[in-house]
């Protein structure tokens, strides 16, 4: 997990000038595109961090392209439902997919059979952002530190509950990694999306979750939930008083999730490069970052198609090792 976070952090520092020529080139030689609305499938529920981010990008792209960019939510099954729909779409540039770690790097390790091929059914377009996991508990939870949570789990094996947005999701893998690192047993309660998880947590129906800062910030500030630890090598800038897991005496819990755009395999390269370049310009703007990315706890990655493809190779190896060590299978 430390290696994954370092890779993401290093990628986030890549300057725009290192982008590949294909990524930065104009599209004067490309066919007329778009000439009709473009659809982006988001395999998560509406209102989550990726949905909000994608809608912000879609609005900007629509203005640039003179065509509507429609965000279509297809949540469920650890992003499989949305990924399958995108994989079966025409490779003409009019369907894109917002993908994340499970979509392209973990699902093939978690399931023996998938209705899509994470490696061969898609081409990378742009890796957008990353987010560190934040351990948050219900407001009434009897404890103020991550170690307090572990002590509760030791005293009541299998009774301390945590919620995630699905089996095999990053939150699920991270919570199970926490259980292995501390020798405790939690009770997993899967939900359809992060919005439902946070509603259950703030409503006191579950004890904790490991979520991205964007979904936790308003609830923490509103006193509905409490943050106990951050799964990163350093404290989060928006939560300077919240210690890392390592500072809390729990090692091996540096983790991060990423979110990026991909297209069905066969999508014309000029279109892929056009989308990548146009989206990159949007997410590099300071005012956009403040509203949708850094201002809500995300980190900019801005990886071009080539860098994204290279990143995925390493990400898939890391997840294969992690899931094998965890012994997790969802078939």
Protein backbone atom coordinates (compact mmCIF):
# COMPACT_ATOMS: atom_id res chain seq x y z
CA UNK A 1 0.00 0.00 0.00
CA UNK A 2 2.92 2.36 0.73
CA UNK A 3 4.24 1.70 -2.75
CA UNK A 4 0.84 2.51 -4.28
CA UNK A 5 0.60 5.79 -2.43
CA UNK A 6 4.14 6.80 -3.39
CA UNK A 7 3.39 5.99 -7.04
CA UNK A 8 0.27 8.13 -6.95
CA UNK A 9 2.05 10.97 -5.22
CA UNK A 10 4.89 10.91 -7.72
CA UNK A 11 2.45 10.88 -10.60
CA UNK A 12 0.61 13.83 -9.12
CA UNK A 13 3.80 15.86 -9.34
CA UNK A 14 4.38 15.22 -13.03
CA UNK A 15 4.37 18.61 -14.70
CA UNK A 16 2.21 19.25 -17.70
CA UNK A 17 5.31 19.74 -19.83
CA UNK A 18 6.09 16.03 -19.53
CA UNK A 19 2.86 15.06 -21.26
CA UNK A 20 3.36 12.99 -24.40
CA UNK A 21 3.28 14.77 -27.79
CA UNK A 22 0.15 12.83 -28.76
CA UNK A 23 -1.57 14.04 -25.60
CA UNK A 24 -0.77 17.68 -26.23
CA UNK A 25 -1.18 17.82 -29.98
CA UNK A 26 -4.03 19.59 -31.69
CA UNK A 27 -6.69 17.58 -33.46
CA UNK A 28 -6.63 19.34 -36.80
CA UNK A 29 -6.21 15.98 -38.57
CA UNK A 30 -8.94 14.26 -36.54
CA UNK A 31 -12.41 13.62 -37.96
CA UNK A 32 -15.18 15.96 -36.90
CA UNK A 33 -15.95 15.05 -33.31
CA UNK A 34 -18.16 15.43 -31.40
CA UNK A 35 -21.18 15.93 -33.61
CA UNK A 36 -23.67 14.61 -31.04
CA UNK A 37 -23.92 14.27 -27.24
CA UNK A 38 -21.18 12.35 -25.42
CA UNK A 39 -22.12 10.00 -22.57
CA UNK A 40 -19.95 9.31 -19.54
CA UNK A 41 -20.94 6.26 -17.50
CA UNK A 42 -20.25 6.70 -13.79
CA UNK A 43 -20.52 3.31 -12.03
CA UNK A 44 -21.37 4.93 -8.70
CA UNK A 45 -24.46 6.47 -7.16
CA UNK A 46 -25.32 10.10 -7.75
CA UNK A 47 -23.93 12.58 -5.27
CA UNK A 48 -20.66 10.75 -4.57
CA UNK A 49 -17.26 12.36 -5.04
CA UNK A 50 -16.68 10.97 -8.56
CA UNK A 51 -20.18 11.83 -9.68
CA UNK A 52 -19.82 15.44 -8.55
CA UNK A 53 -16.35 15.72 -10.10
CA UNK A 54 -17.50 14.23 -13.40
CA UNK A 55 -20.50 16.52 -13.58
CA UNK A 56 -18.20 19.49 -13.11
CA UNK A 57 -15.94 18.27 -15.92
CA UNK A 58 -18.96 17.46 -18.12
CA UNK A 59 -20.32 20.97 -17.81
CA UNK A 60 -16.99 22.45 -18.89
CA UNK A 61 -16.58 19.99 -21.78
CA UNK A 62 -20.10 20.70 -23.00
CA UNK A 63 -19.25 24.36 -23.27
CA UNK A 64 -16.01 23.62 -25.12
CA UNK A 65 -17.44 21.07 -27.53
CA UNK A 66 -20.81 22.64 -28.21
CA UNK A 67 -22.42 19.28 -27.42
CA UNK A 68 -24.07 17.97 -24.28
CA UNK A 69 -21.93 15.70 -22.10
CA UNK A 70 -24.34 13.44 -20.25
CA UNK A 71 -23.40 11.73 -16.98
CA UNK A 72 -25.20 8.41 -16.59
CA UNK A 73 -25.06 6.70 -13.19
CA UNK A 74 -24.94 2.89 -13.32
CA UNK A 75 -23.91 1.84 -9.80
CA UNK A 76 -23.58 -1.60 -8.33
CA UNK A 77 -21.56 -4.84 -8.29
CA UNK A 78 -18.25 -3.13 -7.53
CA UNK A 79 -18.50 -1.03 -10.76
CA UNK A 80 -19.13 -4.14 -12.89
CA UNK A 81 -22.57 -3.01 -14.09
CA UNK A 82 -21.28 0.28 -15.44
CA UNK A 83 -18.06 -1.23 -16.82
CA UNK A 84 -19.95 -3.90 -18.74
CA UNK A 85 -22.23 -1.31 -20.30
CA UNK A 86 -19.26 0.80 -21.38
CA UNK A 87 -17.31 -2.18 -22.73
CA UNK A 88 -20.24 -3.14 -24.95
CA UNK A 89 -20.68 0.39 -26.31
CA UNK A 90 -19.58 1.42 -29.79
CA UNK A 91 -15.91 2.53 -29.83
CA UNK A 92 -16.72 5.82 -31.51
CA UNK A 93 -15.82 8.27 -28.76
CA UNK A 94 -19.39 8.89 -27.69
CA UNK A 95 -19.21 6.67 -24.60
CA UNK A 96 -16.64 7.05 -21.83
CA UNK A 97 -16.34 5.37 -18.44
CA UNK A 98 -15.25 6.76 -15.11
CA UNK A 99 -13.12 3.89 -13.78
CA UNK A 100 -11.32 3.25 -10.50
CA UNK A 101 -9.10 0.67 -8.82
CA UNK A 102 -11.66 -2.18 -8.73
CA UNK A 103 -12.84 -1.52 -12.30
CA UNK A 104 -9.47 -2.05 -13.96
CA UNK A 105 -7.06 -3.43 -11.35
CA UNK A 106 -8.83 -5.49 -8.70
CA UNK A 107 -11.99 -7.06 -10.11
CA UNK A 108 -10.12 -9.59 -12.25
CA UNK A 109 -8.46 -10.79 -9.05
CA UNK A 110 -11.70 -10.86 -7.06
CA UNK A 111 -13.94 -12.60 -9.62
CA UNK A 112 -13.21 -15.70 -11.68
CA UNK A 113 -15.56 -14.50 -14.42
CA UNK A 114 -16.32 -10.94 -15.43
CA UNK A 115 -18.69 -9.72 -18.17
CA UNK A 116 -15.90 -7.44 -19.39
CA UNK A 117 -12.12 -7.67 -19.77
CA UNK A 118 -10.42 -4.96 -17.64
CA UNK A 119 -7.25 -5.13 -19.73
CA UNK A 120 -8.46 -5.63 -23.28
CA UNK A 121 -11.88 -3.94 -23.40
CA UNK A 122 -10.70 -0.40 -22.64
CA UNK A 123 -8.09 2.17 -23.59
CA UNK A 124 -6.81 4.63 -20.97
CA UNK A 125 -7.75 8.26 -21.57
CA UNK A 126 -6.74 10.27 -18.49
CA UNK A 127 -6.20 9.37 -14.85
CA UNK A 128 -7.79 12.23 -12.97
CA UNK A 129 -7.47 12.20 -9.20
CA UNK A 130 -6.54 10.19 -6.13
CA UNK A 131 -7.91 10.13 -2.62
CA UNK A 132 -6.54 8.80 0.66
CA UNK A 133 -8.77 6.75 2.94
CA UNK A 134 -10.10 8.34 6.11
CA UNK A 135 -11.21 6.24 9.08
CA UNK A 136 -14.45 7.77 10.34
CA UNK A 137 -16.81 6.56 13.07
CA UNK A 138 -20.38 7.38 14.09
CA UNK A 139 -20.59 10.37 16.39
CA UNK A 140 -21.66 8.30 19.41
CA UNK A 141 -18.91 5.68 19.05
CA UNK A 142 -17.24 5.15 22.47
CA UNK A 143 -13.66 6.01 21.60
CA UNK A 144 -11.52 8.85 20.28
CA UNK A 145 -8.64 7.04 18.56
CA UNK A 146 -8.09 4.27 16.04
CA UNK A 147 -6.68 2.16 18.86
CA UNK A 148 -9.94 2.64 20.78
CA UNK A 149 -11.77 1.18 17.78
CA UNK A 150 -9.45 -1.81 17.73
CA UNK A 151 -9.91 -2.38 21.46
CA UNK A 152 -13.69 -2.35 20.99
CA UNK A 153 -13.33 -4.93 18.19
CA UNK A 154 -11.14 -7.14 20.37
CA UNK A 155 -13.64 -6.98 23.21
CA UNK A 156 -16.58 -7.74 20.88
CA UNK A 157 -15.29 -9.94 18.02
CA UNK A 158 -17.44 -9.61 14.90
CA UNK A 159 -19.78 -7.08 16.45
CA UNK A 160 -18.12 -3.80 15.45
CA UNK A 161 -19.67 -3.00 12.06
CA UNK A 162 -18.29 -1.17 9.05
CA UNK A 163 -19.98 -0.13 5.84
CA UNK A 164 -18.66 -0.04 2.29
CA UNK A 165 -20.02 0.67 -1.18
CA UNK A 166 -19.83 -2.99 -2.15
CA UNK A 167 -17.97 -6.27 -1.81
CA UNK A 168 -14.44 -5.93 -3.12
CA UNK A 169 -14.56 -2.13 -3.08
CA UNK A 170 -11.51 -0.20 -1.92
CA UNK A 171 -13.20 0.51 1.39
CA UNK A 172 -13.80 -3.23 1.84
CA UNK A 173 -10.19 -4.15 1.07
CA UNK A 174 -8.87 -1.40 3.33
CA UNK A 175 -11.09 -2.40 6.26
CA UNK A 176 -10.03 -6.02 5.90
CA UNK A 177 -6.39 -4.89 5.75
CA UNK A 178 -6.99 -3.06 9.03
CA UNK A 179 -8.48 -6.22 10.51
CA UNK A 180 -5.45 -8.28 9.45
CA UNK A 181 -2.98 -5.66 10.65
CA UNK A 182 -4.52 -5.59 14.13
CA UNK A 183 -5.74 -9.18 14.48
CA UNK A 184 -9.42 -8.31 14.93
CA UNK A 185 -12.67 -9.30 13.25
CA UNK A 186 -15.20 -6.75 12.00
CA UNK A 187 -18.71 -7.21 10.63
CA UNK A 188 -18.97 -5.99 7.01
CA UNK A 189 -22.21 -4.30 5.88
CA UNK A 190 -22.16 -3.57 2.10
CA UNK A 191 -24.24 -0.79 0.59
CA UNK A 192 -24.95 0.29 -2.98
CA UNK A 193 -22.94 3.50 -2.88
CA UNK A 194 -20.89 5.85 -0.73
CA UNK A 195 -23.88 8.15 -0.18
CA UNK A 196 -25.78 5.28 1.47
CA UNK A 197 -22.73 4.35 3.56
CA UNK A 198 -22.33 7.86 4.92
CA UNK A 199 -26.06 8.12 5.64
CA UNK A 200 -25.90 4.87 7.59
CA UNK A 201 -22.83 6.04 9.49
CA UNK A 202 -24.25 9.45 10.39
CA UNK A 203 -27.49 7.71 11.36
CA UNK A 204 -25.66 5.41 13.77
CA UNK A 205 -26.53 2.22 11.87
CA UNK A 206 -22.87 1.20 11.46
CA UNK A 207 -19.79 1.90 13.56
CA UNK A 208 -17.21 3.01 10.99
CA UNK A 209 -16.05 3.16 7.41
CA UNK A 210 -12.90 4.07 5.51
CA UNK A 211 -13.97 6.73 3.03
CA UNK A 212 -12.51 9.42 0.82
CA UNK A 213 -12.28 12.87 2.44
CA UNK A 214 -14.79 14.51 0.05
CA UNK A 215 -17.68 12.41 1.31
CA UNK A 216 -16.62 12.78 4.94
CA UNK A 217 -15.80 16.49 5.15
CA UNK A 218 -19.35 17.91 5.48
CA UNK A 219 -20.37 15.28 8.03
CA UNK A 220 -17.22 15.74 10.12
CA UNK A 221 -17.61 19.51 10.07
CA UNK A 222 -21.30 19.13 10.91
CA UNK A 223 -20.54 16.97 13.93
CA UNK A 224 -22.39 13.97 12.48
CA UNK A 225 -19.33 11.68 12.39
CA UNK A 226 -15.75 11.79 13.71
CA UNK A 227 -12.42 11.22 11.93
CA UNK A 228 -9.91 9.03 13.78
CA UNK A 229 -7.08 8.34 11.32
CA UNK A 230 -5.95 8.90 7.74
CA UNK A 231 -4.52 6.10 5.58
CA UNK A 232 -1.58 8.09 4.23
CA UNK A 233 2.09 8.67 4.89
CA UNK A 234 1.35 12.21 6.05
CA UNK A 235 -1.60 13.96 7.65
CA UNK A 236 -4.25 15.26 5.29
CA UNK A 237 -4.12 19.05 4.75
CA UNK A 238 -7.86 19.38 5.37
CA UNK A 239 -7.62 17.28 8.56
CA UNK A 240 -4.38 18.49 10.19
CA UNK A 241 -5.46 17.32 13.65
CA UNK A 242 -6.22 13.76 12.52
CA UNK A 243 -3.21 11.43 12.90
CA UNK A 244 -2.11 8.89 10.33
CA UNK A 245 -2.58 5.22 11.09
CA UNK A 246 1.17 4.96 11.66
CA UNK A 247 1.01 7.76 14.22
CA UNK A 248 -1.82 5.81 15.84
CA UNK A 249 0.41 2.76 16.20
CA UNK A 250 -1.05 0.80 13.27
CA UNK A 251 1.40 0.09 10.45
CA UNK A 252 0.78 -0.92 6.83
CA UNK A 253 -2.31 1.23 6.34
CA UNK A 254 -1.07 3.82 3.80
CA UNK A 255 -3.55 3.54 0.96
CA UNK A 256 -5.06 5.55 -1.87
CA UNK A 257 -7.72 5.21 -4.55
CA UNK A 258 -7.63 6.68 -8.04
CA UNK A 259 -10.31 7.65 -10.56
CA UNK A 260 -9.84 8.09 -14.29
CA UNK A 261 -11.55 8.07 -17.68
CA UNK A 262 -11.30 5.19 -20.16
CA UNK A 263 -12.94 4.48 -23.51
CA UNK A 264 -14.02 1.26 -25.24
CA UNK A 265 -11.14 -0.45 -27.03
CA UNK A 266 -11.03 0.69 -30.64
CA UNK A 267 -11.94 4.31 -29.93
CA UNK A 268 -9.94 6.40 -32.44
CA UNK A 269 -6.64 7.65 -31.02
CA UNK A 270 -7.27 11.27 -32.10
CA UNK A 271 -10.50 11.25 -30.10
CA UNK A 272 -8.78 9.71 -27.06
CA UNK A 273 -6.06 12.35 -27.21
CA UNK A 274 -8.60 15.14 -27.72
CA UNK A 275 -10.59 14.10 -24.64
CA UNK A 276 -7.42 13.69 -22.57
CA UNK A 277 -6.05 17.10 -23.54
CA UNK A 278 -9.36 18.92 -23.04
CA UNK A 279 -10.01 17.32 -19.65
CA UNK A 280 -6.43 17.97 -18.57
CA UNK A 281 -6.81 21.68 -19.24
CA UNK A 282 -9.95 21.71 -17.09
CA UNK A 283 -8.51 19.91 -14.06
CA UNK A 284 -5.29 21.97 -14.13
CA UNK A 285 -7.18 25.21 -13.60
CA UNK A 286 -6.80 26.50 -10.06
CA UNK A 287 -10.41 27.56 -9.67
CA UNK A 288 -11.66 24.15 -10.85
CA UNK A 289 -9.28 22.35 -8.49
CA UNK A 290 -10.42 24.44 -5.55
CA UNK A 291 -14.07 23.66 -6.22
CA UNK A 292 -13.89 19.99 -7.23
CA UNK A 293 -10.49 18.50 -6.37
CA UNK A 294 -7.99 19.89 -3.85
CA UNK A 295 -10.64 21.97 -2.14
CA UNK A 296 -12.62 18.83 -1.28
CA UNK A 297 -9.68 16.64 -0.30
CA UNK A 298 -8.63 15.03 -3.60
CA UNK A 299 -5.19 15.02 -5.23
CA UNK A 300 -4.66 15.87 -8.91
CA UNK A 301 -3.03 13.10 -10.98
CA UNK A 302 -3.52 14.34 -14.57
CA UNK A 303 -1.90 11.30 -16.25
CA UNK A 304 -1.97 11.26 -20.04
CA UNK A 305 -2.96 8.05 -21.92
CA UNK A 306 0.59 6.66 -22.01
CA UNK A 307 1.35 7.44 -18.37
CA UNK A 308 -2.05 6.06 -17.33
CA UNK A 309 -1.39 2.80 -19.22
CA UNK A 310 1.99 2.41 -17.54
CA UNK A 311 0.49 3.17 -14.14
CA UNK A 312 -2.19 0.49 -14.64
CA UNK A 313 0.42 -2.20 -15.23
CA UNK A 314 1.95 -1.57 -11.82
CA UNK A 315 -1.41 -1.06 -10.13
CA UNK A 316 -2.64 -4.44 -11.34
CA UNK A 317 0.45 -6.17 -9.99
CA UNK A 318 0.02 -4.50 -6.61
CA UNK A 319 -3.61 -5.49 -6.32
CA UNK A 320 -2.87 -9.07 -7.37
CA UNK A 321 -0.38 -9.30 -4.50
CA UNK A 322 -2.70 -7.60 -2.00
CA UNK A 323 -5.76 -9.69 -2.80
CA UNK A 324 -3.76 -12.93 -2.81
CA UNK A 325 -2.38 -12.08 0.63
CA UNK A 326 -5.88 -11.25 1.87
CA UNK A 327 -7.38 -14.43 0.45
CA UNK A 328 -10.43 -12.48 -0.75
CA UNK A 329 -12.66 -14.00 -3.47
CA UNK A 330 -16.14 -12.88 -4.42
CA UNK A 331 -17.23 -15.84 -6.57
